[in-house]
């Protein structure tokens, strides 16, 4: 009957709208999550502690960002520059552990010699890092 067909059509339209809305909500959540991972144009959040000498702050970044930091440092050292852009400090087992160490460093500042070219940094492996 035409009434049943109309009800069925409305049910399908309602289902499509509801499903599309859920997809958009998921996309919005995913986008928010991705944005929260981006620390700056140079770094993405992760479990490697670095010190950004250019902006004078610690950051927990992912491996790619830590490698970028290390590359900048090595390039500046090869050029004999006095002030280094970045210092990769150490990896952690998790982002949470990294953030805990980052907070300790902020709460109890020490001399930041690792921005100077004479300071050598030896990164321990992830194994056994607390």
C-alpha atoms as a PDB file:
ATOM      1  CA  UNK A   1       0.000   0.000   0.000  1.00  0.00           C
ATOM      2  CA  UNK A   2       1.154   3.567  -0.559  1.00  0.00           C
ATOM      3  CA  UNK A   3       1.096   4.338   3.180  1.00  0.00           C
ATOM      4  CA  UNK A   4       3.392   1.420   4.005  1.00  0.00           C
ATOM      5  CA  UNK A   5       5.730   2.401   1.171  1.00  0.00           C
ATOM      6  CA  UNK A   6       5.838   5.969   2.492  1.00  0.00           C
ATOM      7  CA  UNK A   7       6.638   4.729   6.041  1.00  0.00           C
ATOM      8  CA  UNK A   8       9.348   2.430   4.694  1.00  0.00           C
ATOM      9  CA  UNK A   9      10.864   5.277   2.632  1.00  0.00           C
ATOM     10  CA  UNK A  10      10.860   7.591   5.674  1.00  0.00           C
ATOM     11  CA  UNK A  11      12.538   4.881   7.756  1.00  0.00           C
ATOM     12  CA  UNK A  12      15.290   4.497   5.162  1.00  0.00           C
ATOM     13  CA  UNK A  13      15.808   8.272   4.951  1.00  0.00           C
ATOM     14  CA  UNK A  14      15.941   8.555   8.744  1.00  0.00           C
ATOM     15  CA  UNK A  15      18.470   5.690   8.932  1.00  0.00           C
ATOM     16  CA  UNK A  16      20.680   7.311   6.270  1.00  0.00           C
ATOM     17  CA  UNK A  17      20.608  10.673   8.072  1.00  0.00           C
ATOM     18  CA  UNK A  18      21.363   9.056  11.420  1.00  0.00           C
ATOM     19  CA  UNK A  19      24.251   7.007   9.981  1.00  0.00           C
ATOM     20  CA  UNK A  20      25.702  10.029   8.183  1.00  0.00           C
ATOM     21  CA  UNK A  21      25.562  12.037  11.410  1.00  0.00           C
ATOM     22  CA  UNK A  22      27.437   9.331  13.281  1.00  0.00           C
ATOM     23  CA  UNK A  23      30.088   9.262  10.578  1.00  0.00           C
ATOM     24  CA  UNK A  24      30.540  13.025  10.878  1.00  0.00           C
ATOM     25  CA  UNK A  25      30.788  12.755  14.665  1.00  0.00           C
ATOM     26  CA  UNK A  26      33.478  10.092  14.279  1.00  0.00           C
ATOM     27  CA  UNK A  27      35.330  12.293  11.779  1.00  0.00           C
ATOM     28  CA  UNK A  28      35.158  15.245  14.176  1.00  0.00           C
ATOM     29  CA  UNK A  29      36.525  13.133  17.042  1.00  0.00           C
ATOM     30  CA  UNK A  30      39.308  11.735  14.840  1.00  0.00           C
ATOM     31  CA  UNK A  31      40.250  15.223  13.634  1.00  0.00           C
ATOM     32  CA  UNK A  32      40.321  16.523  17.231  1.00  0.00           C
ATOM     33  CA  UNK A  33      42.529  13.563  18.223  1.00  0.00           C
ATOM     34  CA  UNK A  34      44.933  14.223  15.333  1.00  0.00           C
ATOM     35  CA  UNK A  35      45.110  17.938  16.151  1.00  0.00           C
ATOM     36  CA  UNK A  36      45.864  17.158  19.809  1.00  0.00           C
ATOM     37  CA  UNK A  37      48.857  15.080  18.662  1.00  0.00           C
ATOM     38  CA  UNK A  38      50.397  18.011  16.806  1.00  0.00           C
ATOM     39  CA  UNK A  39      52.620  20.032  19.143  1.00  0.00           C
ATOM     40  CA  UNK A  40      53.891  22.509  16.555  1.00  0.00           C
ATOM     41  CA  UNK A  41      54.632  22.662  12.842  1.00  0.00           C
ATOM     42  CA  UNK A  42      57.794  20.674  13.604  1.00  0.00           C
ATOM     43  CA  UNK A  43      56.740  18.125  16.232  1.00  0.00           C
ATOM     44  CA  UNK A  44      54.119  15.453  16.871  1.00  0.00           C
ATOM     45  CA  UNK A  45      53.412  14.189  20.405  1.00  0.00           C
ATOM     46  CA  UNK A  46      55.009  10.905  21.428  1.00  0.00           C
ATOM     47  CA  UNK A  47      57.327   9.172  23.905  1.00  0.00           C
ATOM     48  CA  UNK A  48      60.735  10.746  23.109  1.00  0.00           C
ATOM     49  CA  UNK A  49      61.848  13.601  25.363  1.00  0.00           C
ATOM     50  CA  UNK A  50      63.579  16.474  23.574  1.00  0.00           C
ATOM     51  CA  UNK A  51      64.543  20.010  24.451  1.00  0.00           C
ATOM     52  CA  UNK A  52      63.646  22.613  21.839  1.00  0.00           C
ATOM     53  CA  UNK A  53      66.527  25.090  22.188  1.00  0.00           C
ATOM     54  CA  UNK A  54      64.901  27.576  19.797  1.00  0.00           C
ATOM     55  CA  UNK A  55      61.791  27.980  21.938  1.00  0.00           C
ATOM     56  CA  UNK A  56      63.298  26.987  25.318  1.00  0.00           C
ATOM     57  CA  UNK A  57      60.995  24.130  26.297  1.00  0.00           C
ATOM     58  CA  UNK A  58      60.879  20.372  26.779  1.00  0.00           C
ATOM     59  CA  UNK A  59      58.555  18.295  24.615  1.00  0.00           C
ATOM     60  CA  UNK A  60      57.529  14.662  24.329  1.00  0.00           C
ATOM     61  CA  UNK A  61      57.566  13.848  20.618  1.00  0.00           C
ATOM     62  CA  UNK A  62      57.230  10.816  18.370  1.00  0.00           C
ATOM     63  CA  UNK A  63      60.231   9.001  16.844  1.00  0.00           C
ATOM     64  CA  UNK A  64      60.074  10.903  13.547  1.00  0.00           C
ATOM     65  CA  UNK A  65      60.118  14.226  15.416  1.00  0.00           C
ATOM     66  CA  UNK A  66      63.014  13.056  17.626  1.00  0.00           C
ATOM     67  CA  UNK A  67      64.916  12.012  14.491  1.00  0.00           C
ATOM     68  CA  UNK A  68      64.226  15.441  12.963  1.00  0.00           C
ATOM     69  CA  UNK A  69      65.566  17.052  16.157  1.00  0.00           C
ATOM     70  CA  UNK A  70      68.675  14.852  16.027  1.00  0.00           C
ATOM     71  CA  UNK A  71      69.197  15.735  12.357  1.00  0.00           C
ATOM     72  CA  UNK A  72      69.013  19.459  13.058  1.00  0.00           C
ATOM     73  CA  UNK A  73      71.515  19.042  15.879  1.00  0.00           C
ATOM     74  CA  UNK A  74      73.978  17.029  13.793  1.00  0.00           C
ATOM     75  CA  UNK A  75      73.734  19.494  10.890  1.00  0.00           C
ATOM     76  CA  UNK A  76      74.408  22.464  13.214  1.00  0.00           C
ATOM     77  CA  UNK A  77      77.355  20.631  14.801  1.00  0.00           C
ATOM     78  CA  UNK A  78      78.846  19.884  11.370  1.00  0.00           C
ATOM     79  CA  UNK A  79      78.560  23.573  10.511  1.00  0.00           C
ATOM     80  CA  UNK A  80      80.235  24.501  13.816  1.00  0.00           C
ATOM     81  CA  UNK A  81      77.284  26.577  15.026  1.00  0.00           C
ATOM     82  CA  UNK A  82      77.376  27.817  18.627  1.00  0.00           C
ATOM     83  CA  UNK A  83      73.690  27.409  19.405  1.00  0.00           C
ATOM     84  CA  UNK A  84      71.957  24.186  18.514  1.00  0.00           C
ATOM     85  CA  UNK A  85      68.280  24.112  17.555  1.00  0.00           C
ATOM     86  CA  UNK A  86      67.309  20.989  19.434  1.00  0.00           C
ATOM     87  CA  UNK A  87      68.520  18.289  21.801  1.00  0.00           C
ATOM     88  CA  UNK A  88      67.092  14.735  21.713  1.00  0.00           C
ATOM     89  CA  UNK A  89      67.283  13.556  25.330  1.00  0.00           C
ATOM     90  CA  UNK A  90      65.824  10.063  25.712  1.00  0.00           C
ATOM     91  CA  UNK A  91      63.051   7.683  24.717  1.00  0.00           C
ATOM     92  CA  UNK A  92      60.442   6.365  27.131  1.00  0.00           C
ATOM     93  CA  UNK A  93      58.244   3.291  27.080  1.00  0.00           C
ATOM     94  CA  UNK A  94      55.103   5.441  26.842  1.00  0.00           C
ATOM     95  CA  UNK A  95      54.002   9.024  26.271  1.00  0.00           C
ATOM     96  CA  UNK A  96      52.724   9.118  29.837  1.00  0.00           C
ATOM     97  CA  UNK A  97      56.178   8.258  31.241  1.00  0.00           C
ATOM     98  CA  UNK A  98      57.716  10.905  29.004  1.00  0.00           C
ATOM     99  CA  UNK A  99      55.268  13.556  30.222  1.00  0.00           C
ATOM    100  CA  UNK A 100      56.072  12.638  33.841  1.00  0.00           C
ATOM    101  CA  UNK A 101      59.793  13.204  33.174  1.00  0.00           C
ATOM    102  CA  UNK A 102      59.035  16.379  31.238  1.00  0.00           C
ATOM    103  CA  UNK A 103      57.160  17.715  34.270  1.00  0.00           C
ATOM    104  CA  UNK A 104      60.077  16.810  36.578  1.00  0.00           C
ATOM    105  CA  UNK A 105      62.451  18.731  34.312  1.00  0.00           C
ATOM    106  CA  UNK A 106      60.146  21.761  34.304  1.00  0.00           C
ATOM    107  CA  UNK A 107      59.626  21.628  38.097  1.00  0.00           C
ATOM    108  CA  UNK A 108      63.353  21.236  38.865  1.00  0.00           C
ATOM    109  CA  UNK A 109      65.245  23.135  36.167  1.00  0.00           C
ATOM    110  CA  UNK A 110      68.926  22.420  35.728  1.00  0.00           C
ATOM    111  CA  UNK A 111      71.592  24.050  33.606  1.00  0.00           C
ATOM    112  CA  UNK A 112      70.643  23.450  30.009  1.00  0.00           C
ATOM    113  CA  UNK A 113      74.085  22.653  28.655  1.00  0.00           C
ATOM    114  CA  UNK A 114      72.706  20.342  25.992  1.00  0.00           C
ATOM    115  CA  UNK A 115      72.007  23.325  23.715  1.00  0.00           C
ATOM    116  CA  UNK A 116      75.741  23.950  23.486  1.00  0.00           C
ATOM    117  CA  UNK A 117      77.803  22.171  20.799  1.00  0.00           C
ATOM    118  CA  UNK A 118      80.319  20.718  23.267  1.00  0.00           C
ATOM    119  CA  UNK A 119      77.711  18.616  25.040  1.00  0.00           C
ATOM    120  CA  UNK A 120      77.423  15.082  23.682  1.00  0.00           C
ATOM    121  CA  UNK A 121      74.122  13.272  24.080  1.00  0.00           C
ATOM    122  CA  UNK A 122      73.911   9.510  24.346  1.00  0.00           C
ATOM    123  CA  UNK A 123      70.359   8.253  23.981  1.00  0.00           C
ATOM    124  CA  UNK A 124      69.652   5.043  25.877  1.00  0.00           C
ATOM    125  CA  UNK A 125      67.493   2.441  24.186  1.00  0.00           C
ATOM    126  CA  UNK A 126      63.810   2.050  25.024  1.00  0.00           C
ATOM    127  CA  UNK A 127      64.623  -1.113  26.969  1.00  0.00           C
ATOM    128  CA  UNK A 128      64.734  -0.569  30.692  1.00  0.00           C
ATOM    129  CA  UNK A 129      63.686   3.082  30.423  1.00  0.00           C
ATOM    130  CA  UNK A 130      61.151   3.965  33.082  1.00  0.00           C
END
